[in-house]
Amino acid sequence: MCASVNKLPTSPSPTTIERKLQSMGTFFENCRKIHNELIIQTDDEVTHYIIADEFGNVESRYLEVIDFLTSLQDKLAAIPSTSFSNTTSAFQPTPRCNLEKIALPMFDGDYKDWTQFKDLFEALVLREITLTDVQKLYYLKTSLSGSALALIKNIAVTDANFTTAWKIISDHYQDIQIMTFSLIFRMLK
């Protein structure tokens, strides 16, 4: 088990760490099965095994390794995905042409612009797995102005607040009655 972790490359990719975590889980389950078979036996070697708490030692080391790999995985998740481009390029499609970067959409609270803003924001920010929730909340607040920003302006930019802020904005602008009223009002102008 320790040798498996020692074989990690100096800069492991998230995929490598995930494979190691799965491998460690399988290894530990096999150890648990062997342990359960051993403890029902009565010979002297098994007695020494139980007294020396060999399984407890393996379990402690396993948990240390899992904690290490999980913390490494969390640290890597905070690094932008471009840092791993050399390790994951085989899995990414090659673009046919160079496209301009899409600017974050702006939304001032006008209902007619909600669907476009929502779709773009979800595509560019919400579905971007390399962004943390605090980054997503920052991008949300900097993309809003006017009455839209007023809905969440007093929400602190923290990791824990993104889901709440997005729900407030979404619930407010997804309100079908208000959207219908807005559309009718625009048509009557």
Protein backbone atom coordinates (compact mmCIF):
# COMPACT_ATOMS: atom_id res chain seq x y z
CA MET A 1 0.00 0.00 0.00
CA CYS A 2 2.74 2.47 0.93
CA ALA A 3 4.69 1.54 -2.16
CA SER A 4 1.64 2.43 -4.26
CA VAL A 5 1.59 5.96 -2.89
CA ASN A 6 5.36 6.27 -3.16
CA LYS A 7 5.00 5.54 -6.89
CA LEU A 8 3.03 8.75 -7.44
CA PRO A 9 4.67 10.99 -10.04
CA THR A 10 6.14 14.24 -8.74
CA SER A 11 3.26 16.17 -10.38
CA PRO A 12 0.32 13.74 -10.46
CA SER A 13 -2.76 14.62 -12.48
CA PRO A 14 -6.25 14.54 -10.94
CA THR A 15 -6.90 11.35 -12.93
CA THR A 16 -3.82 9.65 -11.44
CA ILE A 17 -4.89 10.58 -7.92
CA GLU A 18 -8.43 9.32 -8.56
CA ARG A 19 -7.03 5.99 -9.79
CA LYS A 20 -4.81 5.72 -6.71
CA LEU A 21 -7.79 6.42 -4.45
CA GLN A 22 -9.80 3.69 -6.17
CA SER A 23 -6.84 1.31 -6.00
CA MET A 24 -6.38 2.03 -2.30
CA GLY A 25 -10.08 1.39 -1.64
CA THR A 26 -9.89 -1.98 -3.40
CA PHE A 27 -6.68 -2.86 -1.54
CA PHE A 28 -8.20 -2.00 1.84
CA GLU A 29 -11.37 -3.99 1.15
CA ASN A 30 -9.20 -7.02 0.33
CA CYS A 31 -7.31 -6.50 3.59
CA ARG A 32 -10.59 -6.32 5.49
CA LYS A 33 -11.77 -9.61 3.92
CA ILE A 34 -8.51 -11.36 4.85
CA HIS A 35 -8.73 -9.88 8.36
CA ASN A 36 -12.27 -11.19 8.80
CA GLU A 37 -11.14 -14.65 7.70
CA LEU A 38 -8.13 -14.59 10.04
CA ILE A 39 -9.94 -13.58 13.21
CA ILE A 40 -12.11 -16.71 13.15
CA GLN A 41 -9.02 -18.96 13.18
CA THR A 42 -7.33 -20.03 16.42
CA ASP A 43 -3.68 -20.84 15.71
CA ASP A 44 -0.73 -19.02 17.36
CA GLU A 45 0.22 -16.89 14.34
CA VAL A 46 -3.30 -15.51 14.18
CA THR A 47 -3.23 -14.80 17.92
CA HIS A 48 0.00 -12.82 17.47
CA TYR A 49 -1.63 -10.99 14.51
CA ILE A 50 -4.59 -10.00 16.69
CA ILE A 51 -2.48 -9.02 19.72
CA ALA A 52 -0.12 -6.93 17.57
CA ASP A 53 -3.18 -5.23 16.06
CA GLU A 54 -1.76 -5.66 12.56
CA PHE A 55 -5.09 -4.81 10.94
CA GLY A 56 -5.37 -1.65 13.07
CA ASN A 57 -1.92 -0.58 11.88
CA VAL A 58 -2.86 -1.20 8.23
CA GLU A 59 -6.14 0.67 8.71
CA SER A 60 -4.36 3.66 10.30
CA ARG A 61 -1.86 3.83 7.46
CA TYR A 62 -4.67 3.45 4.90
CA LEU A 63 -6.55 6.40 6.42
CA GLU A 64 -3.37 8.52 6.42
CA VAL A 65 -2.80 7.76 2.75
CA ILE A 66 -6.45 8.49 1.85
CA ASP A 67 -6.24 11.81 3.74
CA PHE A 68 -3.02 12.67 1.89
CA LEU A 69 -4.45 11.79 -1.52
CA THR A 70 -7.73 13.61 -0.82
CA SER A 71 -5.93 16.77 0.29
CA LEU A 72 -3.71 16.57 -2.80
CA GLN A 73 -6.82 16.12 -4.93
CA ASP A 74 -8.42 19.20 -3.30
CA LYS A 75 -5.28 21.27 -3.92
CA LEU A 76 -5.20 20.21 -7.57
CA ALA A 77 -8.89 21.03 -7.97
CA ALA A 78 -8.08 24.65 -7.07
CA ILE A 79 -5.52 24.90 -9.88
CA PRO A 80 -6.90 26.01 -13.28
CA SER A 81 -7.33 23.14 -15.71
CA THR A 82 -4.77 24.59 -18.14
CA SER A 83 -2.07 23.42 -15.73
CA PHE A 84 -2.93 19.86 -16.68
CA SER A 85 -3.26 20.43 -20.40
CA ASN A 86 -0.24 18.28 -21.14
CA THR A 87 -1.67 15.33 -19.20
CA THR A 88 -5.23 15.49 -20.50
CA SER A 89 -4.76 16.67 -24.07
CA ALA A 90 -5.48 13.20 -25.42
CA PHE A 91 -9.01 13.52 -24.07
CA GLN A 92 -9.72 17.06 -25.27
CA PRO A 93 -10.97 17.72 -28.77
CA THR A 94 -8.73 19.87 -30.92
CA PRO A 95 -10.50 23.06 -31.99
CA ARG A 96 -10.89 23.50 -35.74
CA CYS A 97 -10.26 27.22 -35.55
CA ASN A 98 -9.16 29.81 -33.04
CA LEU A 99 -12.22 31.49 -31.58
CA GLU A 100 -12.31 34.65 -29.53
CA LYS A 101 -12.83 34.21 -25.84
CA ILE A 102 -16.44 34.82 -24.89
CA ALA A 103 -16.86 37.74 -22.51
CA LEU A 104 -18.94 37.18 -19.41
CA PRO A 105 -22.48 38.33 -20.02
CA MET A 106 -23.87 41.38 -18.22
CA PHE A 107 -27.38 41.48 -16.76
CA ASP A 108 -29.11 44.56 -15.40
CA GLY A 109 -32.41 42.98 -14.40
CA ASP A 110 -34.34 43.40 -17.65
CA TYR A 111 -36.48 40.26 -17.95
CA LYS A 112 -36.12 40.12 -21.72
CA ASP A 113 -32.37 39.53 -21.27
CA TRP A 114 -32.67 36.89 -18.53
CA THR A 115 -32.70 33.73 -20.66
CA GLN A 116 -29.67 34.80 -22.69
CA PHE A 117 -27.76 35.82 -19.56
CA LYS A 118 -28.68 32.61 -17.74
CA ASP A 119 -27.65 30.35 -20.63
CA LEU A 120 -24.32 32.11 -21.16
CA PHE A 121 -23.52 32.35 -17.45
CA GLU A 122 -24.29 28.66 -16.94
CA ALA A 123 -22.12 27.68 -19.90
CA LEU A 124 -19.18 29.93 -19.03
CA VAL A 125 -19.21 29.85 -15.24
CA LEU A 126 -21.56 27.35 -13.61
CA ARG A 127 -20.41 24.34 -15.63
CA GLU A 128 -16.72 25.24 -15.34
CA ILE A 129 -15.53 22.58 -12.90
CA THR A 130 -12.21 24.28 -12.23
CA LEU A 131 -13.91 27.28 -10.61
CA THR A 132 -14.62 27.31 -6.89
CA ASP A 133 -17.94 28.59 -5.60
CA VAL A 134 -16.32 31.78 -4.32
CA GLN A 135 -14.97 32.45 -7.83
CA LYS A 136 -18.40 31.76 -9.33
CA LEU A 137 -20.01 34.19 -6.88
CA TYR A 138 -17.42 36.83 -7.74
CA TYR A 139 -18.16 36.39 -11.45
CA LEU A 140 -21.90 36.50 -10.78
CA LYS A 141 -21.68 39.75 -8.83
CA THR A 142 -19.42 41.37 -11.42
CA SER A 143 -21.84 40.34 -14.18
CA LEU A 144 -24.84 41.99 -12.54
CA SER A 145 -25.93 45.60 -12.29
CA GLY A 146 -29.07 47.53 -11.47
CA SER A 147 -32.01 45.67 -9.94
CA ALA A 148 -30.35 42.28 -10.50
CA LEU A 149 -27.32 43.24 -8.43
CA ALA A 150 -29.56 44.80 -5.77
CA LEU A 151 -31.01 41.34 -5.04
CA ILE A 152 -27.66 39.95 -3.87
CA LYS A 153 -25.47 42.99 -3.19
CA ASN A 154 -25.43 42.34 0.58
CA ILE A 155 -24.34 38.71 0.20
CA ALA A 156 -20.67 38.33 1.08
CA VAL A 157 -18.43 36.79 -1.57
CA THR A 158 -17.66 33.49 0.16
CA ASP A 159 -17.60 29.87 -0.96
CA ALA A 160 -20.72 29.08 1.09
CA ASN A 161 -22.86 31.85 -0.43
CA PHE A 162 -22.75 31.10 -4.15
CA THR A 163 -25.59 28.56 -4.21
CA THR A 164 -27.83 30.91 -2.21
CA ALA A 165 -27.06 33.91 -4.44
CA TRP A 166 -27.65 31.97 -7.68
CA LYS A 167 -30.94 30.60 -6.30
CA ILE A 168 -32.13 34.11 -5.38
CA ILE A 169 -31.34 35.45 -8.86
CA SER A 170 -32.72 32.40 -10.68
CA ASP A 171 -35.91 32.20 -8.63
CA HIS A 172 -36.57 35.90 -9.09
CA TYR A 173 -36.05 36.00 -12.85
CA GLN A 174 -37.52 32.57 -13.61
CA ASP A 175 -40.86 33.68 -12.13
CA ILE A 176 -43.21 32.91 -15.05
CA GLN A 177 -45.86 35.43 -14.02
CA ILE A 178 -43.38 38.29 -13.92
CA MET A 179 -41.79 37.21 -17.21
CA THR A 180 -45.24 37.03 -18.84
CA PHE A 181 -46.19 40.45 -17.48
CA SER A 182 -42.90 41.88 -18.73
CA LEU A 183 -43.46 40.43 -22.19
CA ILE A 184 -47.05 41.73 -22.40
CA PHE A 185 -45.91 45.16 -21.18
CA ARG A 186 -43.22 45.29 -23.89
CA MET A 187 -45.75 44.27 -26.55
CA LEU A 188 -48.19 46.99 -25.47
CA LYS A 189 -45.51 49.72 -25.70
